[in-house]
Amino acid sequence: MQSLLNVIESLNEQHQAIDCFASENEPEGRKKRIAALAPLFLNNDLRIADAHDAVKKWIDVLQDLGFDTATLSVGYGRAFDFVIDAVSESISCIATNIEELLERN
C-alpha cells in the first residue's frame, strides 16, 4: 500500500494522468516511507505484540507518533483509540490521493 501511495503521490505532484502509471522503469521514490501510513503498521504490531514480546517496539512507535505513553499506566484504551484514529487518518490520506488522481482523468 505504501508503494502504491508513493506512486500515486508522485503522479499527483507532477499533475500526470493515470496512464503514466504504466511504465517500464521502476518509479523513483517507490520505497519511500510515508509517515501518514505508520499507524497502519503500528496497528498490526499491536495485534501481535503480546505474542512476540514486542511491547517496547510499539511503545516507541506510539511515542514517535505523538502519543503520551505515560497514560499506558491506566490501561491501553487511550492508546487503542489513538491508533484507531490514526489508522482512519491513514486511510483518508490514501483515499484523498486516489480521488485527486481520478479527478484528473
PDB file of N, CA and C in Angstrom:
ATOM      1  N   MET A   1       0.821  -1.172   0.000  1.00  0.00           N
ATOM      2  CA  MET A   1       0.000   0.000   0.000  1.00  0.00           C
ATOM      3  C   MET A   1       0.879   1.256   0.000  1.00  0.00           C
ATOM      4  N   GLN A   2       1.966   1.171   0.743  1.00  0.00           N
ATOM      5  CA  GLN A   2       2.859   2.323   0.820  1.00  0.00           C
ATOM      6  C   GLN A   2       3.489   2.609  -0.542  1.00  0.00           C
ATOM      7  N   SER A   3       3.907   1.557  -1.261  1.00  0.00           N
ATOM      8  CA  SER A   3       4.488   1.758  -2.592  1.00  0.00           C
ATOM      9  C   SER A   3       3.468   2.356  -3.547  1.00  0.00           C
ATOM     10  N   LEU A   4       2.242   1.858  -3.485  1.00  0.00           N
ATOM     11  CA  LEU A   4       1.184   2.386  -4.344  1.00  0.00           C
ATOM     12  C   LEU A   4       0.937   3.862  -4.043  1.00  0.00           C
ATOM     13  N   LEU A   5       0.882   4.210  -2.769  1.00  0.00           N
ATOM     14  CA  LEU A   5       0.668   5.614  -2.402  1.00  0.00           C
ATOM     15  C   LEU A   5       1.844   6.475  -2.852  1.00  0.00           C
ATOM     16  N   ASN A   6       3.062   5.948  -2.772  1.00  0.00           N
ATOM     17  CA  ASN A   6       4.222   6.697  -3.259  1.00  0.00           C
ATOM     18  C   ASN A   6       4.064   7.028  -4.741  1.00  0.00           C
ATOM     19  N   VAL A   7       3.626   6.043  -5.525  1.00  0.00           N
ATOM     20  CA  VAL A   7       3.452   6.255  -6.961  1.00  0.00           C
ATOM     21  C   VAL A   7       2.327   7.257  -7.212  1.00  0.00           C
ATOM     22  N   ILE A   8       1.203   7.091  -6.517  1.00  0.00           N
ATOM     23  CA  ILE A   8       0.062   7.989  -6.714  1.00  0.00           C
ATOM     24  C   ILE A   8       0.418   9.418  -6.308  1.00  0.00           C
ATOM     25  N   GLU A   9       1.109   9.581  -5.174  1.00  0.00           N
ATOM     26  CA  GLU A   9       1.520  10.930  -4.757  1.00  0.00           C
ATOM     27  C   GLU A   9       2.428  11.568  -5.799  1.00  0.00           C
ATOM     28  N   SER A  10       3.331  10.767  -6.369  1.00  0.00           N
ATOM     29  CA  SER A  10       4.235  11.284  -7.393  1.00  0.00           C
ATOM     30  C   SER A  10       3.455  11.732  -8.627  1.00  0.00           C
ATOM     31  N   LEU A  11       2.483  10.926  -9.051  1.00  0.00           N
ATOM     32  CA  LEU A  11       1.647  11.309 -10.194  1.00  0.00           C
ATOM     33  C   LEU A  11       0.889  12.599  -9.889  1.00  0.00           C
ATOM     34  N   ASN A  12       0.369  12.711  -8.671  1.00  0.00           N
ATOM     35  CA  ASN A  12      -0.375  13.913  -8.283  1.00  0.00           C
ATOM     36  C   ASN A  12       0.523  15.146  -8.239  1.00  0.00           C
ATOM     37  N   GLU A  13       1.721  14.994  -7.678  1.00  0.00           N
ATOM     38  CA  GLU A  13       2.646  16.127  -7.582  1.00  0.00           C
ATOM     39  C   GLU A  13       3.033  16.649  -8.963  1.00  0.00           C
ATOM     40  N   GLN A  14       3.135  15.725  -9.929  1.00  0.00           N
ATOM     41  CA  GLN A  14       3.540  16.103 -11.283  1.00  0.00           C
ATOM     42  C   GLN A  14       2.338  16.348 -12.196  1.00  0.00           C
ATOM     43  N   HIS A  15       1.132  16.283 -11.618  1.00  0.00           N
ATOM     44  CA  HIS A  15      -0.116  16.500 -12.360  1.00  0.00           C
ATOM     45  C   HIS A  15      -0.195  15.607 -13.595  1.00  0.00           C
ATOM     46  N   GLN A  16       0.186  14.346 -13.425  1.00  0.00           N
ATOM     47  CA  GLN A  16       0.148  13.390 -14.519  1.00  0.00           C
ATOM     48  C   GLN A  16      -1.141  12.581 -14.465  1.00  0.00           C
ATOM     49  N   ALA A  17      -1.522  12.069 -15.625  1.00  0.00           N
ATOM     50  CA  ALA A  17      -2.723  11.238 -15.724  1.00  0.00           C
ATOM     51  C   ALA A  17      -2.412   9.823 -15.262  1.00  0.00           C
ATOM     52  N   ILE A  18      -3.460   9.073 -15.033  1.00  0.00           N
ATOM     53  CA  ILE A  18      -3.302   7.696 -14.562  1.00  0.00           C
ATOM     54  C   ILE A  18      -2.584   6.834 -15.595  1.00  0.00           C
ATOM     55  N   ASP A  19      -2.629   7.244 -16.878  1.00  0.00           N
ATOM     56  CA  ASP A  19      -1.937   6.496 -17.933  1.00  0.00           C
ATOM     57  C   ASP A  19      -0.437   6.414 -17.663  1.00  0.00           C
ATOM     58  N   CYS A  20       0.102   7.388 -16.958  1.00  0.00           N
ATOM     59  CA  CYS A  20       1.536   7.413 -16.650  1.00  0.00           C
ATOM     60  C   CYS A  20       1.913   6.368 -15.607  1.00  0.00           C
ATOM     61  N   PHE A  21       0.906   5.727 -15.023  1.00  0.00           N
ATOM     62  CA  PHE A  21       1.169   4.697 -14.010  1.00  0.00           C
ATOM     63  C   PHE A  21       1.899   3.514 -14.627  1.00  0.00           C
ATOM     64  N   ALA A  22       1.524   3.169 -15.858  1.00  0.00           N
ATOM     65  CA  ALA A  22       2.197   2.068 -16.555  1.00  0.00           C
ATOM     66  C   ALA A  22       3.556   2.568 -17.030  1.00  0.00           C
ATOM     67  N   SER A  23       4.589   1.849 -16.658  1.00  0.00           N
ATOM     68  CA  SER A  23       5.939   2.270 -17.007  1.00  0.00           C
ATOM     69  C   SER A  23       6.852   1.058 -17.034  1.00  0.00           C
ATOM     70  N   GLU A  24       7.833   1.114 -17.907  1.00  0.00           N
ATOM     71  CA  GLU A  24       8.815   0.034 -17.958  1.00  0.00           C
ATOM     72  C   GLU A  24       9.870   0.204 -16.871  1.00  0.00           C
ATOM     73  N   ASN A  25      10.001   1.417 -16.357  1.00  0.00           N
ATOM     74  CA  ASN A  25      11.001   1.713 -15.333  1.00  0.00           C
ATOM     75  C   ASN A  25      10.341   1.807 -13.966  1.00  0.00           C
ATOM     76  N   GLU A  26      11.074   1.377 -12.948  1.00  0.00           N
ATOM     77  CA  GLU A  26      10.567   1.498 -11.575  1.00  0.00           C
ATOM     78  C   GLU A  26      10.479   2.971 -11.205  1.00  0.00           C
ATOM     79  N   PRO A  27       9.317   3.408 -10.703  1.00  0.00           N
ATOM     80  CA  PRO A  27       9.161   4.824 -10.330  1.00  0.00           C
ATOM     81  C   PRO A  27      10.124   5.222  -9.213  1.00  0.00           C
ATOM     82  N   GLU A  28      10.655   6.438  -9.316  1.00  0.00           N
ATOM     83  CA  GLU A  28      11.529   6.951  -8.264  1.00  0.00           C
ATOM     84  C   GLU A  28      10.752   7.113  -6.971  1.00  0.00           C
ATOM     85  N   GLY A  29      11.390   6.826  -5.865  1.00  0.00           N
ATOM     86  CA  GLY A  29      10.777   7.025  -4.560  1.00  0.00           C
ATOM     87  C   GLY A  29       9.712   6.011  -4.194  1.00  0.00           C
ATOM     88  N   ARG A  30       9.622   4.930  -4.945  1.00  0.00           N
ATOM     89  CA  ARG A  30       8.580   3.934  -4.707  1.00  0.00           C
ATOM     90  C   ARG A  30       8.674   3.329  -3.316  1.00  0.00           C
ATOM     91  N   LYS A  31       9.878   3.227  -2.776  1.00  0.00           N
ATOM     92  CA  LYS A  31      10.070   2.577  -1.479  1.00  0.00           C
ATOM     93  C   LYS A  31      10.171   3.572  -0.318  1.00  0.00           C
ATOM     94  N   LYS A  32       9.897   4.836  -0.593  1.00  0.00           N
ATOM     95  CA  LYS A  32       9.972   5.878   0.439  1.00  0.00           C
ATOM     96  C   LYS A  32       8.935   5.606   1.529  1.00  0.00           C
ATOM     97  N   ARG A  33       9.337   5.794   2.787  1.00  0.00           N
ATOM     98  CA  ARG A  33       8.401   5.627   3.902  1.00  0.00           C
ATOM     99  C   ARG A  33       7.494   6.845   3.990  1.00  0.00           C
ATOM    100  N   ILE A  34       6.220   6.597   4.245  1.00  0.00           N
ATOM    101  CA  ILE A  34       5.239   7.664   4.354  1.00  0.00           C
ATOM    102  C   ILE A  34       4.739   7.694   5.792  1.00  0.00           C
ATOM    103  N   ALA A  35       5.021   8.790   6.476  1.00  0.00           N
ATOM    104  CA  ALA A  35       4.645   8.902   7.892  1.00  0.00           C
ATOM    105  C   ALA A  35       3.145   8.734   8.105  1.00  0.00           C
ATOM    106  N   ALA A  36       2.349   9.165   7.141  1.00  0.00           N
ATOM    107  CA  ALA A  36       0.891   9.074   7.287  1.00  0.00           C
ATOM    108  C   ALA A  36       0.401   7.630   7.357  1.00  0.00           C
ATOM    109  N   LEU A  37       1.210   6.686   6.878  1.00  0.00           N
ATOM    110  CA  LEU A  37       0.800   5.279   6.909  1.00  0.00           C
ATOM    111  C   LEU A  37       1.367   4.519   8.101  1.00  0.00           C
ATOM    112  N   ALA A  38       2.213   5.156   8.894  1.00  0.00           N
ATOM    113  CA  ALA A  38       2.810   4.485  10.056  1.00  0.00           C
ATOM    114  C   ALA A  38       1.773   3.852  10.978  1.00  0.00           C
ATOM    115  N   PRO A  39       0.625   4.493  11.203  1.00  0.00           N
ATOM    116  CA  PRO A  39      -0.375   3.874  12.084  1.00  0.00           C
ATOM    117  C   PRO A  39      -0.875   2.519  11.583  1.00  0.00           C
ATOM    118  N   LEU A  40      -0.901   2.318  10.270  1.00  0.00           N
ATOM    119  CA  LEU A  40      -1.327   1.016   9.757  1.00  0.00           C
ATOM    120  C   LEU A  40      -0.364  -0.079  10.197  1.00  0.00           C
ATOM    121  N   PHE A  41       0.924   0.230  10.155  1.00  0.00           N
ATOM    122  CA  PHE A  41       1.922  -0.743  10.580  1.00  0.00           C
ATOM    123  C   PHE A  41       1.888  -0.928  12.096  1.00  0.00           C
ATOM    124  N   LEU A  42       1.691   0.163  12.815  1.00  0.00           N
ATOM    125  CA  LEU A  42       1.596   0.083  14.273  1.00  0.00           C
ATOM    126  C   LEU A  42       0.399  -0.760  14.680  1.00  0.00           C
ATOM    127  N   ASN A  43      -0.711  -0.588  13.999  1.00  0.00           N
ATOM    128  CA  ASN A  43      -1.908  -1.363  14.295  1.00  0.00           C
ATOM    129  C   ASN A  43      -1.608  -2.858  14.208  1.00  0.00           C
ATOM    130  N   ASN A  44      -0.901  -3.257  13.170  1.00  0.00           N
ATOM    131  CA  ASN A  44      -0.528  -4.664  13.032  1.00  0.00           C
ATOM    132  C   ASN A  44       0.431  -5.083  14.139  1.00  0.00           C
ATOM    133  N   ASP A  45       1.399  -4.240  14.442  1.00  0.00           N
ATOM    134  CA  ASP A  45       2.359  -4.556  15.509  1.00  0.00           C
ATOM    135  C   ASP A  45       1.661  -4.739  16.852  1.00  0.00           C
ATOM    136  N   LEU A  46       0.668  -3.903  17.124  1.00  0.00           N
ATOM    137  CA  LEU A  46      -0.068  -4.021  18.386  1.00  0.00           C
ATOM    138  C   LEU A  46      -0.811  -5.346  18.474  1.00  0.00           C
ATOM    139  N   ARG A  47      -1.330  -5.790  17.350  1.00  0.00           N
ATOM    140  CA  ARG A  47      -2.092  -7.040  17.337  1.00  0.00           C
ATOM    141  C   ARG A  47      -1.214  -8.237  17.707  1.00  0.00           C
ATOM    142  N   ILE A  48       0.058  -8.171  17.346  1.00  0.00           N
ATOM    143  CA  ILE A  48       0.927  -9.322  17.592  1.00  0.00           C
ATOM    144  C   ILE A  48       1.941  -9.093  18.714  1.00  0.00           C
ATOM    145  N   ALA A  49       1.917  -7.935  19.340  1.00  0.00           N
ATOM    146  CA  ALA A  49       2.939  -7.567  20.327  1.00  0.00           C
ATOM    147  C   ALA A  49       3.047  -8.557  21.477  1.00  0.00           C
ATOM    148  N   ASP A  50       1.937  -8.907  22.090  1.00  0.00           N
ATOM    149  CA  ASP A  50       1.987  -9.802  23.243  1.00  0.00           C
ATOM    150  C   ASP A  50       2.540 -11.171  22.881  1.00  0.00           C
ATOM    151  N   ALA A  51       2.206 -11.636  21.715  1.00  0.00           N
ATOM    152  CA  ALA A  51       2.649 -12.965  21.303  1.00  0.00           C
ATOM    153  C   ALA A  51       4.144 -13.007  21.008  1.00  0.00           C
ATOM    154  N   HIS A  52       4.721 -11.879  20.691  1.00  0.00           N
ATOM    155  CA  HIS A  52       6.127 -11.867  20.285  1.00  0.00           C
ATOM    156  C   HIS A  52       6.998 -10.959  21.146  1.00  0.00           C
ATOM    157  N   ASP A  53       6.515 -10.568  22.292  1.00  0.00           N
ATOM    158  CA  ASP A  53       7.289  -9.717  23.203  1.00  0.00           C
ATOM    159  C   ASP A  53       7.847  -8.471  22.516  1.00  0.00           C
ATOM    160  N   ALA A  54       7.019  -7.800  21.740  1.00  0.00           N
ATOM    161  CA  ALA A  54       7.450  -6.610  21.006  1.00  0.00           C
ATOM    162  C   ALA A  54       6.892  -5.332  21.624  1.00  0.00           C
ATOM    163  N   VAL A  55       6.535  -5.389  22.886  1.00  0.00           N
ATOM    164  CA  VAL A  55       5.884  -4.257  23.541  1.00  0.00           C
ATOM    165  C   VAL A  55       6.749  -3.002  23.486  1.00  0.00           C
ATOM    166  N   LYS A  56       8.033  -3.119  23.771  1.00  0.00           N
ATOM    167  CA  LYS A  56       8.938  -1.960  23.763  1.00  0.00           C
ATOM    168  C   LYS A  56       8.923  -1.281  22.396  1.00  0.00           C
ATOM    169  N   LYS A  57       8.911  -2.080  21.338  1.00  0.00           N
ATOM    170  CA  LYS A  57       8.929  -1.530  19.983  1.00  0.00           C
ATOM    171  C   LYS A  57       7.692  -0.677  19.722  1.00  0.00           C
ATOM    172  N   TRP A  58       6.505  -1.185  20.041  1.00  0.00           N
ATOM    173  CA  TRP A  58       5.307  -0.404  19.719  1.00  0.00           C
ATOM    174  C   TRP A  58       5.130   0.785  20.646  1.00  0.00           C
ATOM    175  N   ILE A  59       5.670   0.708  21.860  1.00  0.00           N
ATOM    176  CA  ILE A  59       5.638   1.891  22.736  1.00  0.00           C
ATOM    177  C   ILE A  59       6.485   3.005  22.112  1.00  0.00           C
ATOM    178  N   ASP A  60       7.641   2.633  21.568  1.00  0.00           N
ATOM    179  CA  ASP A  60       8.491   3.614  20.884  1.00  0.00           C
ATOM    180  C   ASP A  60       7.769   4.230  19.687  1.00  0.00           C
ATOM    181  N   VAL A  61       7.055   3.393  18.931  1.00  0.00           N
ATOM    182  CA  VAL A  61       6.324   3.897  17.765  1.00  0.00           C
ATOM    183  C   VAL A  61       5.199   4.834  18.207  1.00  0.00           C
ATOM    184  N   LEU A  62       4.497   4.474  19.272  1.00  0.00           N
ATOM    185  CA  LEU A  62       3.451   5.357  19.804  1.00  0.00           C
ATOM    186  C   LEU A  62       4.032   6.727  20.155  1.00  0.00           C
ATOM    187  N   GLN A  63       5.194   6.719  20.809  1.00  0.00           N
ATOM    188  CA  GLN A  63       5.849   7.987  21.164  1.00  0.00           C
ATOM    189  C   GLN A  63       6.217   8.770  19.910  1.00  0.00           C
ATOM    190  N   ASP A  64       6.750   8.073  18.903  1.00  0.00           N
ATOM    191  CA  ASP A  64       7.122   8.739  17.652  1.00  0.00           C
ATOM    192  C   ASP A  64       5.920   9.397  16.978  1.00  0.00           C
ATOM    193  N   LEU A  65       4.740   8.804  17.159  1.00  0.00           N
ATOM    194  CA  LEU A  65       3.517   9.347  16.564  1.00  0.00           C
ATOM    195  C   LEU A  65       2.889  10.446  17.419  1.00  0.00           C
ATOM    196  N   GLY A  66       3.478  10.705  18.600  1.00  0.00           N
ATOM    197  CA  GLY A  66       2.996  11.791  19.441  1.00  0.00           C
ATOM    198  C   GLY A  66       2.090  11.379  20.582  1.00  0.00           C
ATOM    199  N   PHE A  67       2.014  10.092  20.884  1.00  0.00           N
ATOM    200  CA  PHE A  67       1.161   9.629  21.977  1.00  0.00           C
ATOM    201  C   PHE A  67       1.916   9.723  23.296  1.00  0.00           C
ATOM    202  N   ASP A  68       1.240  10.190  24.335  1.00  0.00           N
ATOM    203  CA  ASP A  68       1.834  10.284  25.671  1.00  0.00           C
ATOM    204  C   ASP A  68       1.769   8.901  26.317  1.00  0.00           C
ATOM    205  N   THR A  69       2.875   8.177  26.271  1.00  0.00           N
ATOM    206  CA  THR A  69       2.885   6.798  26.763  1.00  0.00           C
ATOM    207  C   THR A  69       2.761   6.705  28.279  1.00  0.00           C
ATOM    208  N   ALA A  70       2.863   7.818  28.983  1.00  0.00           N
ATOM    209  CA  ALA A  70       2.657   7.795  30.435  1.00  0.00           C
ATOM    210  C   ALA A  70       1.231   7.360  30.765  1.00  0.00           C
ATOM    211  N   THR A  71       0.302   7.590  29.844  1.00  0.00           N
ATOM    212  CA  THR A  71      -1.094   7.205  30.086  1.00  0.00           C
ATOM    213  C   THR A  71      -1.306   5.696  29.989  1.00  0.00           C
ATOM    214  N   LEU A  72      -0.303   4.958  29.547  1.00  0.00           N
ATOM    215  CA  LEU A  72      -0.436   3.500  29.465  1.00  0.00           C
ATOM    216  C   LEU A  72      -0.560   2.864  30.845  1.00  0.00           C
ATOM    217  N   SER A  73      -0.139   3.588  31.872  1.00  0.00           N
ATOM    218  CA  SER A  73      -0.207   3.045  33.232  1.00  0.00           C
ATOM    219  C   SER A  73      -1.648   2.823  33.693  1.00  0.00           C
ATOM    220  N   VAL A  74      -2.601   3.484  33.043  1.00  0.00           N
ATOM    221  CA  VAL A  74      -4.013   3.301  33.406  1.00  0.00           C
ATOM    222  C   VAL A  74      -4.740   2.396  32.417  1.00  0.00           C
ATOM    223  N   GLY A  75      -3.995   1.792  31.513  1.00  0.00           N
ATOM    224  CA  GLY A  75      -4.598   0.869  30.552  1.00  0.00           C
ATOM    225  C   GLY A  75      -4.277   1.255  29.118  1.00  0.00           C
ATOM    226  N   TYR A  76      -4.722   0.398  28.223  1.00  0.00           N
ATOM    227  CA  TYR A  76      -4.404   0.583  26.808  1.00  0.00           C
ATOM    228  C   TYR A  76      -5.541   1.219  26.010  1.00  0.00           C
ATOM    229  N   GLY A  77      -6.632   1.586  26.661  1.00  0.00           N
ATOM    230  CA  GLY A  77      -7.787   2.151  25.967  1.00  0.00           C
ATOM    231  C   GLY A  77      -7.470   3.396  25.172  1.00  0.00           C
ATOM    232  N   ARG A  78      -6.754   4.338  25.793  1.00  0.00           N
ATOM    233  CA  ARG A  78      -6.407   5.577  25.089  1.00  0.00           C
ATOM    234  C   ARG A  78      -5.454   5.305  23.932  1.00  0.00           C
ATOM    235  N   ALA A  79      -4.531   4.381  24.144  1.00  0.00           N
ATOM    236  CA  ALA A  79      -3.603   4.028  23.064  1.00  0.00           C
ATOM    237  C   ALA A  79      -4.371   3.417  21.898  1.00  0.00           C
ATOM    238  N   PHE A  80      -5.324   2.552  22.220  1.00  0.00           N
ATOM    239  CA  PHE A  80      -6.129   1.925  21.177  1.00  0.00           C
ATOM    240  C   PHE A  80      -6.918   2.983  20.405  1.00  0.00           C
ATOM    241  N   ASP A  81      -7.557   3.909  21.118  1.00  0.00           N
ATOM    242  CA  ASP A  81      -8.300   4.991  20.463  1.00  0.00           C
ATOM    243  C   ASP A  81      -7.381   5.836  19.583  1.00  0.00           C
ATOM    244  N   PHE A  82      -6.188   6.136  20.101  1.00  0.00           N
ATOM    245  CA  PHE A  82      -5.212   6.927  19.359  1.00  0.00           C
ATOM    246  C   PHE A  82      -4.838   6.226  18.056  1.00  0.00           C
ATOM    247  N   VAL A  83      -4.571   4.926  18.141  1.00  0.00           N
ATOM    248  CA  VAL A  83      -4.168   4.166  16.955  1.00  0.00           C
ATOM    249  C   VAL A  83      -5.321   4.084  15.956  1.00  0.00           C
ATOM    250  N   ILE A  84      -6.532   3.810  16.432  1.00  0.00           N
ATOM    251  CA  ILE A  84      -7.679   3.722  15.525  1.00  0.00           C
ATOM    252  C   ILE A  84      -7.909   5.061  14.818  1.00  0.00           C
ATOM    253  N   ASP A  85      -7.806   6.163  15.552  1.00  0.00           N
ATOM    254  CA  ASP A  85      -7.944   7.485  14.926  1.00  0.00           C
ATOM    255  C   ASP A  85      -6.859   7.704  13.869  1.00  0.00           C
ATOM    256  N   ALA A  86      -5.640   7.306  14.189  1.00  0.00           N
ATOM    257  CA  ALA A  86      -4.530   7.480  13.250  1.00  0.00           C
ATOM    258  C   ALA A  86      -4.693   6.579  12.027  1.00  0.00           C
ATOM    259  N   VAL A  87      -5.204   5.362  12.218  1.00  0.00           N
ATOM    260  CA  VAL A  87      -5.463   4.461  11.093  1.00  0.00           C
ATOM    261  C   VAL A  87      -6.512   5.092  10.175  1.00  0.00           C
ATOM    262  N   SER A  88      -7.531   5.678  10.761  1.00  0.00           N
ATOM    263  CA  SER A  88      -8.565   6.362   9.977  1.00  0.00           C
ATOM    264  C   SER A  88      -7.956   7.490   9.146  1.00  0.00           C
ATOM    265  N   GLU A  89      -7.046   8.244   9.743  1.00  0.00           N
ATOM    266  CA  GLU A  89      -6.365   9.322   9.015  1.00  0.00           C
ATOM    267  C   GLU A  89      -5.500   8.761   7.887  1.00  0.00           C
ATOM    268  N   SER A  90      -4.867   7.603   8.111  1.00  0.00           N
ATOM    269  CA  SER A  90      -4.056   6.964   7.071  1.00  0.00           C
ATOM    270  C   SER A  90      -4.917   6.576   5.879  1.00  0.00           C
ATOM    271  N   ILE A  91      -6.062   5.986   6.167  1.00  0.00           N
ATOM    272  CA  ILE A  91      -6.972   5.572   5.100  1.00  0.00           C
ATOM    273  C   ILE A  91      -7.487   6.797   4.348  1.00  0.00           C
ATOM    274  N   SER A  92      -7.772   7.871   5.064  1.00  0.00           N
ATOM    275  CA  SER A  92      -8.211   9.116   4.419  1.00  0.00           C
ATOM    276  C   SER A  92      -7.124   9.675   3.507  1.00  0.00           C
ATOM    277  N   CYS A  93      -5.880   9.580   3.936  1.00  0.00           N
ATOM    278  CA  CYS A  93      -4.752  10.044   3.127  1.00  0.00           C
ATOM    279  C   CYS A  93      -4.696   9.281   1.805  1.00  0.00           C
ATOM    280  N   ILE A  94      -4.846   7.969   1.883  1.00  0.00           N
ATOM    281  CA  ILE A  94      -4.836   7.139   0.681  1.00  0.00           C
ATOM    282  C   ILE A  94      -6.009   7.520  -0.221  1.00  0.00           C
ATOM    283  N   ALA A  95      -7.204   7.611   0.351  1.00  0.00           N
ATOM    284  CA  ALA A  95      -8.405   7.931  -0.432  1.00  0.00           C
ATOM    285  C   ALA A  95      -8.294   9.295  -1.102  1.00  0.00           C
ATOM    286  N   THR A  96      -7.787  10.281  -0.381  1.00  0.00           N
ATOM    287  CA  THR A  96      -7.649  11.630  -0.934  1.00  0.00           C
ATOM    288  C   THR A  96      -6.727  11.631  -2.142  1.00  0.00           C
ATOM    289  N   ASN A  97      -5.609  10.917  -2.040  1.00  0.00           N
ATOM    290  CA  ASN A  97      -4.669  10.875  -3.158  1.00  0.00           C
ATOM    291  C   ASN A  97      -5.251  10.139  -4.356  1.00  0.00           C
ATOM    292  N   ILE A  98      -5.976   9.063  -4.117  1.00  0.00           N
ATOM    293  CA  ILE A  98      -6.608   8.335  -5.219  1.00  0.00           C
ATOM    294  C   ILE A  98      -7.675   9.209  -5.879  1.00  0.00           C
ATOM    295  N   GLU A  99      -8.487   9.888  -5.077  1.00  0.00           N
ATOM    296  CA  GLU A  99      -9.520  10.776  -5.627  1.00  0.00           C
ATOM    297  C   GLU A  99      -8.904  11.881  -6.474  1.00  0.00           C
ATOM    298  N   GLU A 100      -7.810  12.463  -5.982  1.00  0.00           N
ATOM    299  CA  GLU A 100      -7.142  13.533  -6.729  1.00  0.00           C
ATOM    300  C   GLU A 100      -6.661  13.024  -8.080  1.00  0.00           C
ATOM    301  N   LEU A 101      -6.099  11.824  -8.104  1.00  0.00           N
ATOM    302  CA  LEU A 101      -5.621  11.232  -9.353  1.00  0.00           C
ATOM    303  C   LEU A 101      -6.788  10.963 -10.298  1.00  0.00           C
ATOM    304  N   LEU A 102      -7.859  10.393  -9.783  1.00  0.00           N
ATOM    305  CA  LEU A 102      -9.010  10.055 -10.627  1.00  0.00           C
ATOM    306  C   LEU A 102      -9.720  11.293 -11.164  1.00  0.00           C
ATOM    307  N   GLU A 103      -9.722  12.373 -10.412  1.00  0.00           N
ATOM    308  CA  GLU A 103     -10.375  13.608 -10.863  1.00  0.00           C
ATOM    309  C   GLU A 103      -9.687  14.203 -12.085  1.00  0.00           C
ATOM    310  N   ARG A 104      -8.402  13.931 -12.252  1.00  0.00           N
ATOM    311  CA  ARG A 104      -7.664  14.455 -13.403  1.00  0.00           C
ATOM    312  C   ARG A 104      -7.911  13.633 -14.655  1.00  0.00           C
ATOM    313  N   ASN A 105      -8.530  12.498 -14.540  1.00  0.00           N
ATOM    314  CA  ASN A 105      -8.705  11.602 -15.689  1.00  0.00           C
ATOM    315  C   ASN A 105     -10.121  11.596 -16.185  1.00  0.00           C
TER     316      ASN A 105
END
